[in-house]
Amino acid sequence: MRPTMKDVASAAGVALKTVSRVVNGEPGVHPATAERVRTAIDRLGYSRNESARVLRRGRTATIGLVIEDVADPFYAGLSRAVEAVVIDHGCLLLSGSSGEEPGRERELVETFCARRVDGLIVVPAGDDHTYLGPELEAGTPVVFADRPPGAGLDVDTVLTDNAGGAGQAVRHLLTHGHRRIAFLGDHPAIFTASERLRGYRAELGGLYDERLVSMRPPSLESVRGDLARMFALDDPPTALFTGNGRYTVTTLRALAGRRAALVGFDDFELADLLAPGVSVIAQDPSWMGRVAAELLFRRLRGDAGPPEHIELPVRLIPRGSGEVPSDDTYGLRP
């Protein structure tokens, strides 16, 4: 069994309170006595029970994080940033992936709450968060990141300017002469995908054509089929806007090296090394993670202000693919 403070006290020949003072760095212990206690600690291999210590203070020093997919580079960056802030505050991060399944999201949140986490950061998969009611009433702070909570729940939220970024991408393609701009995005039930569709459609105005829109989870087969259908139109697209990093990479694979005017939402590794480089609307997942985590710790420090709704800006990174003019996309047709 692990040695206890009582074992240390017995080995050092001192009172239990003396061991406690030495372990916790409190004053009032003679240097020679403190050295004897430390010697006993080293000999026995004693280590402080952090769980018991933080529970006595009414906190567990743990934070729960629910993301969509830990393998996704965007959420990996967000998670790393949250963890850095959590560590800076002397806490431990518990995290899990929902896989876009609302049931899994709820299961993770309830598991973390059962472990008495001090606060939660949630990238929601569903739109029903009434199950959080008891935790919110108990005072557990919750911050939603990347996507807002379901209707009726007003809590701290950190989002990206999805619609504005999509509009910026379309505007960039329009300035290079394109009028037939296709949109390939994820399922419209996902908040970020629907917001990017909204920005795309608003910027196109009267140029919007439903036939140039495809929204479903990306796969190489589905993207190839969607592109073939669009390119077979009498007035096919001359440019593409892809709704996230996975869609951009899948679309580039489906194009198989054919020259295309393309702007993607989300930056991705090696985007600058392709020929031409891939123009993107870049958001900063690390920034989002830091903002969400710092907001959570402000609440834990007692900030009782009204819920904050933060929208982070994005930026266009032109690398070549988004600057291909409309009369230079001869390779788009199969």
C-alpha atoms as a PDB file:
ATOM      1  CA  MET A   1       0.000   0.000   0.000  1.00  0.00           C
ATOM      2  CA  ARG A   2       1.084   3.589  -0.549  1.00  0.00           C
ATOM      3  CA  PRO A   3       2.660   5.259   2.465  1.00  0.00           C
ATOM      4  CA  THR A   4       0.526   7.827   4.284  1.00  0.00           C
ATOM      5  CA  MET A   5       1.261  10.956   6.288  1.00  0.00           C
ATOM      6  CA  LYS A   6       0.861   8.819   9.418  1.00  0.00           C
ATOM      7  CA  ASP A   7       3.639   6.538   8.184  1.00  0.00           C
ATOM      8  CA  VAL A   8       5.887   9.545   7.578  1.00  0.00           C
ATOM      9  CA  ALA A   9       5.104  10.972  11.018  1.00  0.00           C
ATOM     10  CA  SER A  10       5.936   7.632  12.676  1.00  0.00           C
ATOM     11  CA  ALA A  11       9.194   7.247  10.724  1.00  0.00           C
ATOM     12  CA  ALA A  12      10.295  10.816  11.506  1.00  0.00           C
ATOM     13  CA  GLY A  13       9.116  10.697  15.109  1.00  0.00           C
ATOM     14  CA  VAL A  14       6.973  13.821  14.788  1.00  0.00           C
ATOM     15  CA  ALA A  15       3.300  14.765  14.991  1.00  0.00           C
ATOM     16  CA  LEU A  16       0.995  14.355  11.999  1.00  0.00           C
ATOM     17  CA  LYS A  17       0.438  18.118  11.891  1.00  0.00           C
ATOM     18  CA  THR A  18       4.190  18.658  11.544  1.00  0.00           C
ATOM     19  CA  VAL A  19       4.289  16.423   8.459  1.00  0.00           C
ATOM     20  CA  SER A  20       1.321  18.305   7.027  1.00  0.00           C
ATOM     21  CA  ARG A  21       3.086  21.630   7.485  1.00  0.00           C
ATOM     22  CA  VAL A  22       6.249  20.371   5.765  1.00  0.00           C
ATOM     23  CA  VAL A  23       4.338  18.820   2.855  1.00  0.00           C
ATOM     24  CA  ASN A  24       2.302  21.982   2.294  1.00  0.00           C
ATOM     25  CA  GLY A  25       5.255  24.337   2.714  1.00  0.00           C
ATOM     26  CA  GLU A  26       3.799  26.031   5.795  1.00  0.00           C
ATOM     27  CA  PRO A  27       5.980  27.902   8.331  1.00  0.00           C
ATOM     28  CA  GLY A  28       6.460  27.013  12.014  1.00  0.00           C
ATOM     29  CA  VAL A  29       8.656  23.897  11.706  1.00  0.00           C
ATOM     30  CA  HIS A  30      12.264  23.879  12.958  1.00  0.00           C
ATOM     31  CA  PRO A  31      14.695  23.364  10.046  1.00  0.00           C
ATOM     32  CA  ALA A  32      16.221  20.231  11.560  1.00  0.00           C
ATOM     33  CA  THR A  33      12.753  18.728  12.111  1.00  0.00           C
ATOM     34  CA  ALA A  34      11.682  19.619   8.571  1.00  0.00           C
ATOM     35  CA  GLU A  35      14.809  17.939   7.199  1.00  0.00           C
ATOM     36  CA  ARG A  36      14.018  14.790   9.210  1.00  0.00           C
ATOM     37  CA  VAL A  37      10.489  14.749   7.761  1.00  0.00           C
ATOM     38  CA  ARG A  38      11.785  15.188   4.193  1.00  0.00           C
ATOM     39  CA  THR A  39      14.248  12.355   4.712  1.00  0.00           C
ATOM     40  CA  ALA A  40      11.409  10.080   5.853  1.00  0.00           C
ATOM     41  CA  ILE A  41       9.323  11.146   2.823  1.00  0.00           C
ATOM     42  CA  ASP A  42      12.167  10.239   0.433  1.00  0.00           C
ATOM     43  CA  ARG A  43      12.859   6.906   2.178  1.00  0.00           C
ATOM     44  CA  LEU A  44       9.187   5.844   2.171  1.00  0.00           C
ATOM     45  CA  GLY A  45       8.370   7.214  -1.292  1.00  0.00           C
ATOM     46  CA  TYR A  46       5.460   9.228   0.041  1.00  0.00           C
ATOM     47  CA  SER A  47       3.530  11.479  -2.382  1.00  0.00           C
ATOM     48  CA  ARG A  48       0.764  13.945  -1.540  1.00  0.00           C
ATOM     49  CA  ASN A  49      -2.827  12.941  -2.355  1.00  0.00           C
ATOM     50  CA  GLU A  50      -3.732  15.791  -4.701  1.00  0.00           C
ATOM     51  CA  SER A  51      -7.318  14.569  -5.142  1.00  0.00           C
ATOM     52  CA  ALA A  52      -8.004  14.771  -1.437  1.00  0.00           C
ATOM     53  CA  ARG A  53      -6.338  18.180  -1.195  1.00  0.00           C
ATOM     54  CA  VAL A  54      -8.366  19.797  -3.966  1.00  0.00           C
ATOM     55  CA  LEU A  55     -11.601  18.194  -2.797  1.00  0.00           C
ATOM     56  CA  ARG A  56     -11.089  19.788   0.608  1.00  0.00           C
ATOM     57  CA  ARG A  57     -10.967  23.113  -1.215  1.00  0.00           C
ATOM     58  CA  GLY A  58     -14.245  22.360  -3.021  1.00  0.00           C
ATOM     59  CA  ARG A  59     -12.603  21.959  -6.449  1.00  0.00           C
ATOM     60  CA  THR A  60     -11.276  18.971  -8.386  1.00  0.00           C
ATOM     61  CA  ALA A  61      -8.816  21.023 -10.500  1.00  0.00           C
ATOM     62  CA  THR A  62     -10.108  19.320 -13.643  1.00  0.00           C
ATOM     63  CA  ILE A  63     -11.722  20.732 -16.776  1.00  0.00           C
ATOM     64  CA  GLY A  64     -13.823  18.736 -19.263  1.00  0.00           C
ATOM     65  CA  LEU A  65     -13.481  19.276 -23.029  1.00  0.00           C
ATOM     66  CA  VAL A  66     -15.793  17.739 -25.635  1.00  0.00           C
ATOM     67  CA  ILE A  67     -14.724  18.130 -29.273  1.00  0.00           C
ATOM     68  CA  GLU A  68     -15.946  16.655 -32.526  1.00  0.00           C
ATOM     69  CA  ASP A  69     -12.899  14.606 -33.587  1.00  0.00           C
ATOM     70  CA  VAL A  70      -9.441  14.627 -31.989  1.00  0.00           C
ATOM     71  CA  ALA A  71      -7.961  13.497 -35.338  1.00  0.00           C
ATOM     72  CA  ASP A  72      -9.231  16.618 -37.113  1.00  0.00           C
ATOM     73  CA  PRO A  73      -6.354  19.160 -37.304  1.00  0.00           C
ATOM     74  CA  PHE A  74      -8.702  22.020 -36.399  1.00  0.00           C
ATOM     75  CA  TYR A  75      -9.896  20.373 -33.190  1.00  0.00           C
ATOM     76  CA  ALA A  76      -6.405  19.111 -32.393  1.00  0.00           C
ATOM     77  CA  GLY A  77      -5.198  22.726 -32.450  1.00  0.00           C
ATOM     78  CA  LEU A  78      -8.133  23.882 -30.338  1.00  0.00           C
ATOM     79  CA  SER A  79      -7.554  21.081 -27.828  1.00  0.00           C
ATOM     80  CA  ARG A  80      -3.829  21.822 -27.479  1.00  0.00           C
ATOM     81  CA  ALA A  81      -4.559  25.488 -26.787  1.00  0.00           C
ATOM     82  CA  VAL A  82      -7.196  24.651 -24.161  1.00  0.00           C
ATOM     83  CA  GLU A  83      -4.802  22.228 -22.492  1.00  0.00           C
ATOM     84  CA  ALA A  84      -2.037  24.854 -22.352  1.00  0.00           C
ATOM     85  CA  VAL A  85      -4.325  27.295 -20.542  1.00  0.00           C
ATOM     86  CA  VAL A  86      -5.592  24.563 -18.207  1.00  0.00           C
ATOM     87  CA  ILE A  87      -2.019  23.585 -17.287  1.00  0.00           C
ATOM     88  CA  ASP A  88      -1.096  27.229 -16.706  1.00  0.00           C
ATOM     89  CA  HIS A  89      -3.891  27.330 -14.128  1.00  0.00           C
ATOM     90  CA  GLY A  90      -2.592  24.217 -12.380  1.00  0.00           C
ATOM     91  CA  CYS A  91      -5.413  21.960 -13.558  1.00  0.00           C
ATOM     92  CA  LEU A  92      -5.871  18.755 -15.522  1.00  0.00           C
ATOM     93  CA  LEU A  93      -7.806  18.425 -18.804  1.00  0.00           C
ATOM     94  CA  LEU A  94     -10.205  15.537 -19.484  1.00  0.00           C
ATOM     95  CA  SER A  95     -11.249  15.359 -23.140  1.00  0.00           C
ATOM     96  CA  GLY A  96     -13.242  13.189 -25.521  1.00  0.00           C
ATOM     97  CA  SER A  97     -14.586  13.156 -29.095  1.00  0.00           C
ATOM     98  CA  SER A  98     -18.296  13.073 -29.890  1.00  0.00           C
ATOM     99  CA  GLY A  99     -17.882  11.988 -33.521  1.00  0.00           C
ATOM    100  CA  GLU A 100     -20.807  14.286 -34.443  1.00  0.00           C
ATOM    101  CA  GLU A 101     -23.132  12.074 -32.378  1.00  0.00           C
ATOM    102  CA  PRO A 102     -25.401  14.029 -29.978  1.00  0.00           C
ATOM    103  CA  GLY A 103     -25.797  10.968 -27.775  1.00  0.00           C
ATOM    104  CA  ARG A 104     -22.045  10.603 -27.426  1.00  0.00           C
ATOM    105  CA  GLU A 105     -21.729  14.330 -26.645  1.00  0.00           C
ATOM    106  CA  ARG A 106     -24.243  14.015 -23.804  1.00  0.00           C
ATOM    107  CA  GLU A 107     -22.586  10.846 -22.505  1.00  0.00           C
ATOM    108  CA  LEU A 108     -19.194  12.562 -22.337  1.00  0.00           C
ATOM    109  CA  VAL A 109     -20.575  15.668 -20.636  1.00  0.00           C
ATOM    110  CA  GLU A 110     -22.460  13.625 -18.053  1.00  0.00           C
ATOM    111  CA  THR A 111     -19.392  11.471 -17.399  1.00  0.00           C
ATOM    112  CA  PHE A 112     -17.237  14.536 -16.828  1.00  0.00           C
ATOM    113  CA  CYS A 113     -19.867  16.056 -14.557  1.00  0.00           C
ATOM    114  CA  ALA A 114     -20.065  12.820 -12.568  1.00  0.00           C
ATOM    115  CA  ARG A 115     -16.336  13.248 -11.981  1.00  0.00           C
ATOM    116  CA  ARG A 116     -17.089  16.746 -10.658  1.00  0.00           C
ATOM    117  CA  VAL A 117     -15.086  18.728 -13.212  1.00  0.00           C
ATOM    118  CA  ASP A 118     -14.830  22.403 -12.299  1.00  0.00           C
ATOM    119  CA  GLY A 119     -15.971  23.571 -15.750  1.00  0.00           C
ATOM    120  CA  LEU A 120     -16.770  22.454 -19.281  1.00  0.00           C
ATOM    121  CA  ILE A 121     -15.832  23.512 -22.811  1.00  0.00           C
ATOM    122  CA  VAL A 122     -18.139  21.931 -25.390  1.00  0.00           C
ATOM    123  CA  VAL A 123     -18.079  21.756 -29.180  1.00  0.00           C
ATOM    124  CA  PRO A 124     -21.662  20.572 -29.570  1.00  0.00           C
ATOM    125  CA  ALA A 125     -22.783  17.796 -31.891  1.00  0.00           C
ATOM    126  CA  GLY A 126     -26.501  18.222 -31.190  1.00  0.00           C
ATOM    127  CA  ASP A 127     -28.895  21.095 -30.589  1.00  0.00           C
ATOM    128  CA  ASP A 128     -30.626  19.920 -27.406  1.00  0.00           C
ATOM    129  CA  HIS A 129     -28.683  20.924 -24.309  1.00  0.00           C
ATOM    130  CA  THR A 130     -31.460  20.911 -21.747  1.00  0.00           C
ATOM    131  CA  TYR A 131     -29.558  18.098 -20.014  1.00  0.00           C
ATOM    132  CA  LEU A 132     -27.051  20.734 -18.885  1.00  0.00           C
ATOM    133  CA  GLY A 133     -29.696  22.481 -16.778  1.00  0.00           C
ATOM    134  CA  PRO A 134     -28.827  20.816 -13.432  1.00  0.00           C
ATOM    135  CA  GLU A 135     -25.106  21.525 -13.863  1.00  0.00           C
ATOM    136  CA  LEU A 136     -25.703  25.167 -14.746  1.00  0.00           C
ATOM    137  CA  GLU A 137     -28.028  25.563 -11.765  1.00  0.00           C
ATOM    138  CA  ALA A 138     -25.325  24.035  -9.570  1.00  0.00           C
ATOM    139  CA  GLY A 139     -22.923  26.714 -10.751  1.00  0.00           C
ATOM    140  CA  THR A 140     -20.734  24.723 -13.144  1.00  0.00           C
ATOM    141  CA  PRO A 141     -19.491  27.168 -15.815  1.00  0.00           C
ATOM    142  CA  VAL A 142     -19.862  26.036 -19.432  1.00  0.00           C
ATOM    143  CA  VAL A 143     -18.356  27.593 -22.559  1.00  0.00           C
ATOM    144  CA  PHE A 144     -19.446  26.521 -26.044  1.00  0.00           C
ATOM    145  CA  ALA A 145     -16.818  26.738 -28.781  1.00  0.00           C
ATOM    146  CA  ASP A 146     -17.002  26.668 -32.608  1.00  0.00           C
ATOM    147  CA  ARG A 147     -20.780  26.120 -32.510  1.00  0.00           C
ATOM    148  CA  PRO A 148     -23.506  27.647 -30.329  1.00  0.00           C
ATOM    149  CA  PRO A 149     -25.721  25.724 -27.906  1.00  0.00           C
ATOM    150  CA  GLY A 150     -29.269  24.765 -28.778  1.00  0.00           C
ATOM    151  CA  ALA A 151     -32.131  27.220 -28.612  1.00  0.00           C
ATOM    152  CA  GLY A 152     -33.098  28.374 -25.153  1.00  0.00           C
ATOM    153  CA  LEU A 153     -29.643  28.059 -23.601  1.00  0.00           C
ATOM    154  CA  ASP A 154     -27.755  31.326 -23.167  1.00  0.00           C
ATOM    155  CA  VAL A 155     -24.163  30.659 -22.084  1.00  0.00           C
ATOM    156  CA  ASP A 156     -20.685  31.864 -23.014  1.00  0.00           C
ATOM    157  CA  THR A 157     -19.935  31.100 -26.669  1.00  0.00           C
ATOM    158  CA  VAL A 158     -16.833  31.546 -28.855  1.00  0.00           C
ATOM    159  CA  LEU A 159     -17.408  31.273 -32.617  1.00  0.00           C
ATOM    160  CA  THR A 160     -15.710  32.080 -35.915  1.00  0.00           C
ATOM    161  CA  ASP A 161     -17.120  34.561 -38.424  1.00  0.00           C
ATOM    162  CA  ASN A 162     -18.225  31.723 -40.701  1.00  0.00           C
ATOM    163  CA  ALA A 163     -20.663  33.664 -42.884  1.00  0.00           C
ATOM    164  CA  GLY A 164     -18.298  36.608 -43.240  1.00  0.00           C
ATOM    165  CA  GLY A 165     -15.410  34.330 -44.185  1.00  0.00           C
ATOM    166  CA  ALA A 166     -17.496  32.552 -46.822  1.00  0.00           C
ATOM    167  CA  GLY A 167     -18.551  35.887 -48.257  1.00  0.00           C
ATOM    168  CA  GLN A 168     -14.908  36.954 -48.386  1.00  0.00           C
ATOM    169  CA  ALA A 169     -13.992  33.794 -50.340  1.00  0.00           C
ATOM    170  CA  VAL A 170     -16.771  34.315 -52.882  1.00  0.00           C
ATOM    171  CA  ARG A 171     -15.952  38.009 -53.223  1.00  0.00           C
ATOM    172  CA  HIS A 172     -12.323  37.114 -53.972  1.00  0.00           C
ATOM    173  CA  LEU A 173     -13.375  34.731 -56.751  1.00  0.00           C
ATOM    174  CA  LEU A 174     -15.811  37.285 -58.168  1.00  0.00           C
ATOM    175  CA  THR A 175     -13.002  39.838 -58.472  1.00  0.00           C
ATOM    176  CA  HIS A 176     -11.118  37.360 -60.665  1.00  0.00           C
ATOM    177  CA  GLY A 177     -13.978  37.158 -63.117  1.00  0.00           C
ATOM    178  CA  HIS A 178     -15.860  34.115 -61.882  1.00  0.00           C
ATOM    179  CA  ARG A 179     -19.641  34.111 -61.963  1.00  0.00           C
ATOM    180  CA  ARG A 180     -20.275  30.359 -61.738  1.00  0.00           C
ATOM    181  CA  ILE A 181     -18.934  29.442 -58.305  1.00  0.00           C
ATOM    182  CA  ALA A 182     -19.775  26.055 -56.814  1.00  0.00           C
ATOM    183  CA  PHE A 183     -19.997  25.337 -53.091  1.00  0.00           C
ATOM    184  CA  LEU A 184     -19.040  21.950 -51.634  1.00  0.00           C
ATOM    185  CA  GLY A 185     -19.766  21.787 -47.906  1.00  0.00           C
ATOM    186  CA  ASP A 186     -20.591  19.488 -45.028  1.00  0.00           C
ATOM    187  CA  HIS A 187     -24.093  18.522 -43.912  1.00  0.00           C
ATOM    188  CA  PRO A 188     -26.324  21.623 -43.519  1.00  0.00           C
ATOM    189  CA  ALA A 189     -27.412  20.489 -40.056  1.00  0.00           C
ATOM    190  CA  ILE A 190     -23.904  21.421 -38.853  1.00  0.00           C
ATOM    191  CA  PHE A 191     -23.891  25.042 -37.715  1.00  0.00           C
ATOM    192  CA  THR A 192     -20.583  25.987 -39.339  1.00  0.00           C
ATOM    193  CA  ALA A 193     -21.616  24.458 -42.674  1.00  0.00           C
ATOM    194  CA  SER A 194     -24.987  26.229 -42.720  1.00  0.00           C
ATOM    195  CA  GLU A 195     -23.370  29.559 -41.790  1.00  0.00           C
ATOM    196  CA  ARG A 196     -20.827  29.230 -44.596  1.00  0.00           C
ATOM    197  CA  LEU A 197     -23.631  28.434 -47.032  1.00  0.00           C
ATOM    198  CA  ARG A 198     -25.439  31.544 -45.818  1.00  0.00           C
ATOM    199  CA  GLY A 199     -22.400  33.736 -46.437  1.00  0.00           C
ATOM    200  CA  TYR A 200     -21.783  32.164 -49.853  1.00  0.00           C
ATOM    201  CA  ARG A 201     -25.382  32.663 -50.935  1.00  0.00           C
ATOM    202  CA  ALA A 202     -25.611  36.240 -49.651  1.00  0.00           C
ATOM    203  CA  GLU A 203     -22.445  37.300 -51.497  1.00  0.00           C
ATOM    204  CA  LEU A 204     -23.559  35.734 -54.796  1.00  0.00           C
ATOM    205  CA  GLY A 205     -26.987  37.335 -54.662  1.00  0.00           C
ATOM    206  CA  GLY A 206     -28.708  36.874 -58.039  1.00  0.00           C
ATOM    207  CA  LEU A 207     -25.845  34.670 -59.274  1.00  0.00           C
ATOM    208  CA  TYR A 208     -26.777  31.944 -56.782  1.00  0.00           C
ATOM    209  CA  ASP A 209     -27.663  28.619 -58.463  1.00  0.00           C
ATOM    210  CA  GLU A 210     -28.919  25.712 -56.364  1.00  0.00           C
ATOM    211  CA  ARG A 211     -27.406  23.262 -58.874  1.00  0.00           C
ATOM    212  CA  LEU A 212     -23.909  24.411 -57.887  1.00  0.00           C
ATOM    213  CA  VAL A 213     -24.355  23.478 -54.228  1.00  0.00           C
ATOM    214  CA  SER A 214     -23.630  20.128 -52.617  1.00  0.00           C
ATOM    215  CA  MET A 215     -23.783  19.620 -48.861  1.00  0.00           C
ATOM    216  CA  ARG A 216     -23.044  16.240 -47.321  1.00  0.00           C
ATOM    217  CA  PRO A 217     -20.179  14.553 -45.456  1.00  0.00           C
ATOM    218  CA  PRO A 218     -17.123  14.434 -47.735  1.00  0.00           C
ATOM    219  CA  SER A 219     -15.892  11.292 -49.436  1.00  0.00           C
ATOM    220  CA  LEU A 220     -13.799  10.945 -52.567  1.00  0.00           C
ATOM    221  CA  GLU A 221     -16.598   9.101 -54.359  1.00  0.00           C
ATOM    222  CA  SER A 222     -19.294  11.650 -53.495  1.00  0.00           C
ATOM    223  CA  VAL A 223     -17.132  14.648 -54.412  1.00  0.00           C
ATOM    224  CA  ARG A 224     -16.183  13.092 -57.735  1.00  0.00           C
ATOM    225  CA  GLY A 225     -19.857  12.494 -58.466  1.00  0.00           C
ATOM    226  CA  ASP A 226     -20.862  16.036 -57.486  1.00  0.00           C
ATOM    227  CA  LEU A 227     -18.127  17.580 -59.627  1.00  0.00           C
ATOM    228  CA  ALA A 228     -19.040  15.407 -62.616  1.00  0.00           C
ATOM    229  CA  ARG A 229     -22.681  16.481 -62.301  1.00  0.00           C
ATOM    230  CA  MET A 230     -21.787  20.160 -62.044  1.00  0.00           C
ATOM    231  CA  PHE A 231     -19.262  20.072 -64.895  1.00  0.00           C
ATOM    232  CA  ALA A 232     -21.855  18.391 -67.139  1.00  0.00           C
ATOM    233  CA  LEU A 233     -24.140  21.451 -66.926  1.00  0.00           C
ATOM    234  CA  ASP A 234     -24.488  23.717 -69.960  1.00  0.00           C
ATOM    235  CA  ASP A 235     -22.962  26.501 -67.848  1.00  0.00           C
ATOM    236  CA  PRO A 236     -20.578  24.651 -65.510  1.00  0.00           C
ATOM    237  CA  PRO A 237     -18.721  26.245 -62.609  1.00  0.00           C
ATOM    238  CA  THR A 238     -15.418  27.954 -63.259  1.00  0.00           C
ATOM    239  CA  ALA A 239     -14.504  28.164 -59.577  1.00  0.00           C
ATOM    240  CA  LEU A 240     -15.000  26.178 -56.384  1.00  0.00           C
ATOM    241  CA  PHE A 241     -15.475  27.167 -52.745  1.00  0.00           C
ATOM    242  CA  THR A 242     -14.948  24.290 -50.309  1.00  0.00           C
ATOM    243  CA  GLY A 243     -16.483  24.502 -46.855  1.00  0.00           C
ATOM    244  CA  ASN A 244     -13.746  23.049 -44.613  1.00  0.00           C
ATOM    245  CA  GLY A 245     -10.239  21.624 -44.675  1.00  0.00           C
ATOM    246  CA  ARG A 246     -11.308  18.011 -45.167  1.00  0.00           C
ATOM    247  CA  TYR A 247     -13.536  19.034 -48.068  1.00  0.00           C
ATOM    248  CA  THR A 248     -10.710  21.009 -49.665  1.00  0.00           C
ATOM    249  CA  VAL A 249      -8.277  18.081 -49.522  1.00  0.00           C
ATOM    250  CA  THR A 250     -10.910  15.636 -50.816  1.00  0.00           C
ATOM    251  CA  THR A 251     -11.809  18.004 -53.665  1.00  0.00           C
ATOM    252  CA  LEU A 252      -8.155  18.379 -54.675  1.00  0.00           C
ATOM    253  CA  ARG A 253      -7.887  14.599 -54.817  1.00  0.00           C
ATOM    254  CA  ALA A 254     -11.064  14.392 -56.900  1.00  0.00           C
ATOM    255  CA  LEU A 255      -9.710  16.997 -59.344  1.00  0.00           C
ATOM    256  CA  ALA A 256      -6.647  14.767 -59.817  1.00  0.00           C
ATOM    257  CA  GLY A 257      -4.313  17.591 -60.756  1.00  0.00           C
ATOM    258  CA  ARG A 258      -6.678  19.489 -63.039  1.00  0.00           C
ATOM    259  CA  ARG A 259      -6.266  23.258 -62.830  1.00  0.00           C
ATOM    260  CA  ALA A 260      -9.074  24.882 -60.871  1.00  0.00           C
ATOM    261  CA  ALA A 261      -9.877  28.217 -59.286  1.00  0.00           C
ATOM    262  CA  LEU A 262     -10.489  27.265 -55.679  1.00  0.00           C
ATOM    263  CA  VAL A 263     -10.720  28.867 -52.248  1.00  0.00           C
ATOM    264  CA  GLY A 264     -11.140  26.653 -49.196  1.00  0.00           C
ATOM    265  CA  PHE A 265     -12.368  27.452 -45.693  1.00  0.00           C
ATOM    266  CA  ASP A 266      -9.695  26.408 -43.158  1.00  0.00           C
ATOM    267  CA  ASP A 267      -5.970  26.301 -43.716  1.00  0.00           C
ATOM    268  CA  PHE A 268      -4.271  22.926 -43.835  1.00  0.00           C
ATOM    269  CA  GLU A 269      -0.787  21.463 -43.814  1.00  0.00           C
ATOM    270  CA  LEU A 270       1.118  21.626 -47.144  1.00  0.00           C
ATOM    271  CA  ALA A 271      -1.448  24.009 -48.690  1.00  0.00           C
ATOM    272  CA  ASP A 272       1.416  26.348 -49.534  1.00  0.00           C
ATOM    273  CA  LEU A 273       3.527  23.628 -51.190  1.00  0.00           C
ATOM    274  CA  LEU A 274       1.042  22.575 -53.871  1.00  0.00           C
ATOM    275  CA  ALA A 275       1.223  24.059 -57.361  1.00  0.00           C
ATOM    276  CA  PRO A 276      -0.497  26.414 -57.317  1.00  0.00           C
ATOM    277  CA  GLY A 277      -0.702  26.944 -53.572  1.00  0.00           C
ATOM    278  CA  VAL A 278      -4.218  26.666 -52.170  1.00  0.00           C
ATOM    279  CA  SER A 279      -5.900  29.957 -51.262  1.00  0.00           C
ATOM    280  CA  VAL A 280      -7.836  29.673 -48.018  1.00  0.00           C
ATOM    281  CA  ILE A 281      -9.975  31.499 -45.527  1.00  0.00           C
ATOM    282  CA  ALA A 282      -7.987  30.827 -42.363  1.00  0.00           C
ATOM    283  CA  GLN A 283      -9.381  30.682 -38.872  1.00  0.00           C
ATOM    284  CA  ASP A 284      -7.198  30.153 -35.825  1.00  0.00           C
ATOM    285  CA  PRO A 285      -8.235  27.128 -33.737  1.00  0.00           C
ATOM    286  CA  SER A 286      -5.547  27.879 -31.154  1.00  0.00           C
ATOM    287  CA  TRP A 287      -6.934  31.371 -30.671  1.00  0.00           C
ATOM    288  CA  MET A 288     -10.431  29.972 -30.253  1.00  0.00           C
ATOM    289  CA  GLY A 289      -9.202  27.435 -27.692  1.00  0.00           C
ATOM    290  CA  ARG A 290      -7.319  30.070 -25.691  1.00  0.00           C
ATOM    291  CA  VAL A 291     -10.234  32.499 -25.678  1.00  0.00           C
ATOM    292  CA  ALA A 292     -12.695  29.787 -24.600  1.00  0.00           C
ATOM    293  CA  ALA A 293     -10.417  28.486 -21.843  1.00  0.00           C
ATOM    294  CA  GLU A 294      -9.547  31.916 -20.453  1.00  0.00           C
ATOM    295  CA  LEU A 295     -13.240  32.822 -20.434  1.00  0.00           C
ATOM    296  CA  LEU A 296     -13.972  29.634 -18.481  1.00  0.00           C
ATOM    297  CA  PHE A 297     -11.312  30.428 -15.866  1.00  0.00           C
ATOM    298  CA  ARG A 298     -12.648  33.958 -15.502  1.00  0.00           C
ATOM    299  CA  ARG A 299     -15.970  32.403 -14.546  1.00  0.00           C
ATOM    300  CA  LEU A 300     -14.213  30.073 -12.102  1.00  0.00           C
ATOM    301  CA  ARG A 301     -12.567  33.105 -10.505  1.00  0.00           C
ATOM    302  CA  GLY A 302     -16.013  34.560  -9.827  1.00  0.00           C
ATOM    303  CA  ASP A 303     -16.881  36.648 -12.907  1.00  0.00           C
ATOM    304  CA  ALA A 304     -20.690  36.638 -12.796  1.00  0.00           C
ATOM    305  CA  GLY A 305     -21.291  38.970 -15.728  1.00  0.00           C
ATOM    306  CA  PRO A 306     -23.831  38.212 -18.474  1.00  0.00           C
ATOM    307  CA  PRO A 307     -22.975  35.479 -21.015  1.00  0.00           C
ATOM    308  CA  GLU A 308     -20.434  36.572 -23.611  1.00  0.00           C
ATOM    309  CA  HIS A 309     -20.890  35.833 -27.311  1.00  0.00           C
ATOM    310  CA  ILE A 310     -17.534  36.228 -29.044  1.00  0.00           C
ATOM    311  CA  GLU A 311     -17.049  35.997 -32.818  1.00  0.00           C
ATOM    312  CA  LEU A 312     -13.436  35.720 -33.978  1.00  0.00           C
ATOM    313  CA  PRO A 313     -12.419  37.167 -37.362  1.00  0.00           C
ATOM    314  CA  VAL A 314     -10.883  35.170 -40.218  1.00  0.00           C
ATOM    315  CA  ARG A 315      -8.413  36.156 -42.929  1.00  0.00           C
ATOM    316  CA  LEU A 316      -7.873  35.392 -46.596  1.00  0.00           C
ATOM    317  CA  ILE A 317      -4.522  33.841 -47.512  1.00  0.00           C
ATOM    318  CA  PRO A 318      -4.054  34.101 -51.313  1.00  0.00           C
ATOM    319  CA  ARG A 319      -1.621  31.480 -52.585  1.00  0.00           C
ATOM    320  CA  GLY A 320      -2.519  31.023 -56.241  1.00  0.00           C
ATOM    321  CA  SER A 321      -5.517  28.725 -56.593  1.00  0.00           C
ATOM    322  CA  GLY A 322      -7.988  31.475 -55.702  1.00  0.00           C
ATOM    323  CA  GLU A 323      -6.394  33.831 -58.179  1.00  0.00           C
ATOM    324  CA  VAL A 324      -6.805  31.643 -61.276  1.00  0.00           C
ATOM    325  CA  PRO A 325      -8.871  33.828 -63.674  1.00  0.00           C
ATOM    326  CA  SER A 326     -12.127  32.585 -65.146  1.00  0.00           C
ATOM    327  CA  ASP A 327     -10.635  32.246 -68.637  1.00  0.00           C
ATOM    328  CA  ASP A 328      -7.825  29.997 -67.362  1.00  0.00           C
ATOM    329  CA  THR A 329      -9.819  27.089 -65.920  1.00  0.00           C
ATOM    330  CA  TYR A 330      -9.799  24.951 -69.032  1.00  0.00           C
ATOM    331  CA  GLY A 331      -8.951  21.887 -66.972  1.00  0.00           C
ATOM    332  CA  LEU A 332     -12.159  21.896 -64.940  1.00  0.00           C
ATOM    333  CA  ARG A 333     -14.158  19.907 -67.448  1.00  0.00           C
ATOM    334  CA  PRO A 334     -13.484  16.173 -67.355  1.00  0.00           C
END
